[in-house]
Amino acid sequence: MLRRACAVFFAGALLLGVSSFGSGMASAATQPPLVFSDQVKFAGLAGPGPVPGSYTFRSTTCTLVSDPAFPGGPNEGPFLCQETAQFSFLVAGRATGTATVTSADGTTKWSFTLTQVVGTTTWTMSGTGTEFDNPDPGQPITAGYPATVTGTVTIVPVPAGLSIMGTESFFESPTAP
């Protein structure tokens, strides 16, 4: 019972810190229909962050599968990746933060909100950010473009901090490269 109470407290504390960074959510009515861009599967540890009540996450395993290079083609990857995040718990069951995932495919930076599925160690993620694709050899660097992020993560207290693993899906405008 004490371990579960600690897990709920830490998860709530994690969510509290994440919300202090903002979710970056935009009105769905103003956005065009979105299409799949990338999916990331990750696991890692979060420890105390630079601000009291905040956490810093770094993945220990991370893979990214990207959308096809041409319509009807196969997905690209998997690519090895690295995910980092800063987050804080706002109230029990809710956190906000910022994250970055980097791979050979490119880099995506986003703000997110985590919401705990009541009575579990599962949290849902929603957020918005910017995706930057790595250019093909000899091609110019492209400007970043908006991305929406959804996902599910599991957060479990461990002696070193918080063990976090999950899956995130990234969506972009159909006109994005």
Protein backbone atom coordinates (compact mmCIF):
# COMPACT_ATOMS: atom_id res chain seq x y z
CA MET A 1 0.00 0.00 0.00
CA LEU A 2 2.84 2.40 0.86
CA ARG A 3 4.57 1.63 -2.45
CA ARG A 4 1.36 2.39 -4.38
CA ALA A 5 0.90 5.64 -2.45
CA CYS A 6 4.49 6.60 -3.29
CA ALA A 7 3.90 5.75 -6.95
CA VAL A 8 0.80 7.92 -7.06
CA PHE A 9 2.64 10.76 -5.30
CA PHE A 10 5.63 10.60 -7.67
CA ALA A 11 3.43 10.29 -10.72
CA GLY A 12 1.39 13.24 -9.52
CA ALA A 13 4.56 15.18 -8.83
CA LEU A 14 5.84 14.30 -12.31
CA LEU A 15 2.67 15.58 -13.90
CA LEU A 16 2.75 18.76 -11.83
CA GLY A 17 6.15 19.68 -13.22
CA VAL A 18 5.21 18.94 -16.80
CA SER A 19 2.25 21.31 -16.74
CA SER A 20 4.38 24.21 -15.59
CA PHE A 21 6.07 24.14 -18.99
CA GLY A 22 2.75 24.32 -20.88
CA SER A 23 1.12 21.91 -23.25
CA GLY A 24 1.42 23.95 -26.45
CA MET A 25 -1.98 22.67 -27.53
CA ALA A 26 -3.69 24.53 -30.38
CA SER A 27 -7.29 24.62 -31.46
CA ALA A 28 -8.18 21.56 -33.55
CA ALA A 29 -10.59 23.64 -35.63
CA THR A 30 -7.72 25.68 -37.11
CA GLN A 31 -5.52 22.75 -38.12
CA PRO A 32 -5.69 20.82 -41.41
CA PRO A 33 -6.22 17.02 -41.36
CA LEU A 34 -3.08 15.33 -40.07
CA VAL A 35 -1.24 12.26 -41.36
CA PHE A 36 1.12 9.80 -39.66
CA SER A 37 4.76 10.90 -39.55
CA ASP A 38 6.69 8.86 -36.95
CA GLN A 39 6.26 6.39 -34.10
CA VAL A 40 8.73 6.19 -31.20
CA LYS A 41 9.06 3.35 -28.69
CA PHE A 42 11.25 4.20 -25.70
CA ALA A 43 12.24 3.36 -22.14
CA GLY A 44 14.46 5.12 -19.65
CA LEU A 45 14.83 6.77 -16.27
CA ALA A 46 13.79 10.14 -14.85
CA GLY A 47 15.57 11.68 -11.89
CA PRO A 48 15.27 14.97 -10.05
CA GLY A 49 15.42 17.98 -12.38
CA PRO A 50 17.02 21.41 -11.97
CA VAL A 51 13.89 22.94 -10.41
CA PRO A 52 12.40 21.49 -7.20
CA GLY A 53 9.55 19.15 -8.12
CA SER A 54 10.78 18.71 -11.69
CA TYR A 55 12.22 15.63 -13.37
CA THR A 56 14.74 15.04 -16.16
CA PHE A 57 14.22 12.01 -18.41
CA ARG A 58 16.74 10.33 -20.72
CA SER A 59 15.96 7.21 -22.73
CA THR A 60 18.10 4.11 -22.41
CA THR A 61 16.38 2.42 -25.38
CA CYS A 62 14.64 4.20 -28.25
CA THR A 63 13.56 3.29 -31.79
CA LEU A 64 11.75 5.40 -34.39
CA VAL A 65 9.80 4.26 -37.46
CA SER A 66 9.07 6.98 -40.01
CA ASP A 67 6.46 7.45 -42.72
CA PRO A 68 7.26 6.25 -46.24
CA ALA A 69 9.60 8.36 -48.38
CA PHE A 70 7.07 8.14 -51.22
CA PRO A 71 3.31 7.43 -51.31
CA GLY A 72 2.55 3.72 -51.08
CA GLY A 73 6.13 2.87 -50.07
CA PRO A 74 7.21 1.06 -46.91
CA ASN A 75 7.77 2.88 -43.63
CA GLU A 76 11.40 3.86 -43.06
CA GLY A 77 13.41 2.53 -40.14
CA PRO A 78 13.56 1.50 -37.47
CA PHE A 79 16.15 4.13 -36.55
CA LEU A 80 17.92 4.24 -33.19
CA CYS A 81 16.94 7.42 -31.36
CA GLN A 82 17.48 9.37 -28.15
CA GLU A 83 14.63 10.96 -26.20
CA THR A 84 15.04 13.53 -23.44
CA ALA A 85 12.42 15.42 -21.44
CA GLN A 86 11.90 17.85 -18.58
CA PHE A 87 8.57 17.65 -16.73
CA SER A 88 6.77 18.44 -13.49
CA PHE A 89 3.64 17.20 -11.78
CA LEU A 90 0.94 19.87 -11.48
CA VAL A 91 -1.49 17.94 -9.35
CA ALA A 92 -1.96 14.25 -8.71
CA GLY A 93 -2.64 12.58 -12.05
CA ARG A 94 -1.41 15.41 -14.30
CA ALA A 95 2.00 16.58 -15.52
CA THR A 96 3.39 18.89 -18.19
CA GLY A 97 6.75 19.20 -19.86
CA THR A 98 8.88 19.45 -22.96
CA ALA A 99 10.65 16.69 -24.88
CA THR A 100 13.01 16.12 -27.80
CA VAL A 101 13.58 12.98 -29.85
CA THR A 102 16.53 12.78 -32.25
CA SER A 103 17.38 10.09 -34.82
CA ALA A 104 18.95 9.73 -38.26
CA ASP A 105 15.50 10.70 -39.59
CA GLY A 106 15.54 14.10 -37.85
CA THR A 107 14.58 15.86 -34.62
CA THR A 108 11.19 16.64 -33.09
CA LYS A 109 10.68 19.01 -30.15
CA TRP A 110 7.33 19.30 -28.40
CA SER A 111 5.44 20.38 -25.28
CA PHE A 112 3.14 17.83 -23.69
CA THR A 113 0.58 17.07 -21.03
CA LEU A 114 0.38 13.69 -19.29
CA THR A 115 -2.88 12.52 -17.73
CA GLN A 116 -2.97 9.43 -15.52
CA VAL A 117 -5.45 6.67 -16.20
CA VAL A 118 -7.09 6.49 -12.76
CA GLY A 119 -5.87 3.64 -10.56
CA THR A 120 -3.02 2.61 -12.92
CA THR A 121 0.60 3.42 -13.74
CA THR A 122 -0.50 4.32 -17.31
CA TRP A 123 -0.54 7.92 -18.54
CA THR A 124 -1.82 9.36 -21.81
CA MET A 125 0.21 12.00 -23.61
CA SER A 126 -0.92 14.82 -25.87
CA GLY A 127 1.11 17.69 -27.24
CA THR A 128 2.28 19.83 -30.11
CA GLY A 129 5.67 20.77 -31.44
CA THR A 130 7.93 21.09 -34.44
CA GLU A 131 9.48 18.35 -36.56
CA PHE A 132 12.78 18.87 -38.41
CA ASP A 133 13.64 16.23 -41.02
CA ASN A 134 17.29 15.53 -41.79
CA PRO A 135 17.85 16.37 -45.45
CA ASP A 136 18.93 13.76 -47.98
CA PRO A 137 22.61 14.06 -49.01
CA GLY A 138 23.13 17.13 -51.19
CA GLN A 139 19.71 18.60 -50.31
CA PRO A 140 19.14 21.87 -48.43
CA ILE A 141 18.03 21.91 -44.81
CA THR A 142 14.26 22.36 -44.60
CA ALA A 143 12.40 24.54 -42.14
CA GLY A 144 10.61 22.76 -39.33
CA TYR A 145 6.89 22.09 -39.56
CA PRO A 146 4.11 21.61 -36.99
CA ALA A 147 3.54 18.19 -35.43
CA THR A 148 0.95 16.79 -33.05
CA VAL A 149 1.96 14.07 -30.58
CA THR A 150 -0.15 11.41 -28.85
CA GLY A 151 1.01 8.48 -26.79
CA THR A 152 0.82 6.22 -23.79
CA VAL A 153 3.49 5.90 -21.12
CA THR A 154 3.95 3.80 -18.01
CA ILE A 155 5.56 5.47 -14.98
CA VAL A 156 6.81 3.33 -12.09
CA PRO A 157 8.84 4.57 -9.08
CA VAL A 158 12.22 2.83 -8.71
CA PRO A 159 15.15 3.49 -6.34
CA ALA A 160 16.89 5.64 -9.01
CA GLY A 161 13.78 7.80 -9.65
CA LEU A 162 11.05 6.95 -12.15
CA SER A 163 11.14 4.17 -14.73
CA ILE A 164 9.28 5.41 -17.82
CA MET A 165 8.47 3.51 -21.01
CA GLY A 166 6.00 4.10 -23.77
CA THR A 167 5.01 4.73 -27.35
CA GLU A 168 4.45 8.08 -29.05
CA SER A 169 2.89 8.77 -32.44
CA PHE A 170 3.66 11.95 -34.38
CA PHE A 171 1.29 13.45 -36.94
CA GLU A 172 1.92 16.25 -39.43
CA SER A 173 0.22 18.22 -42.19
CA PRO A 174 -0.17 16.26 -45.43
CA THR A 175 1.94 18.97 -47.16
CA ALA A 176 4.95 18.46 -44.83
CA PRO A 177 8.00 16.83 -46.47
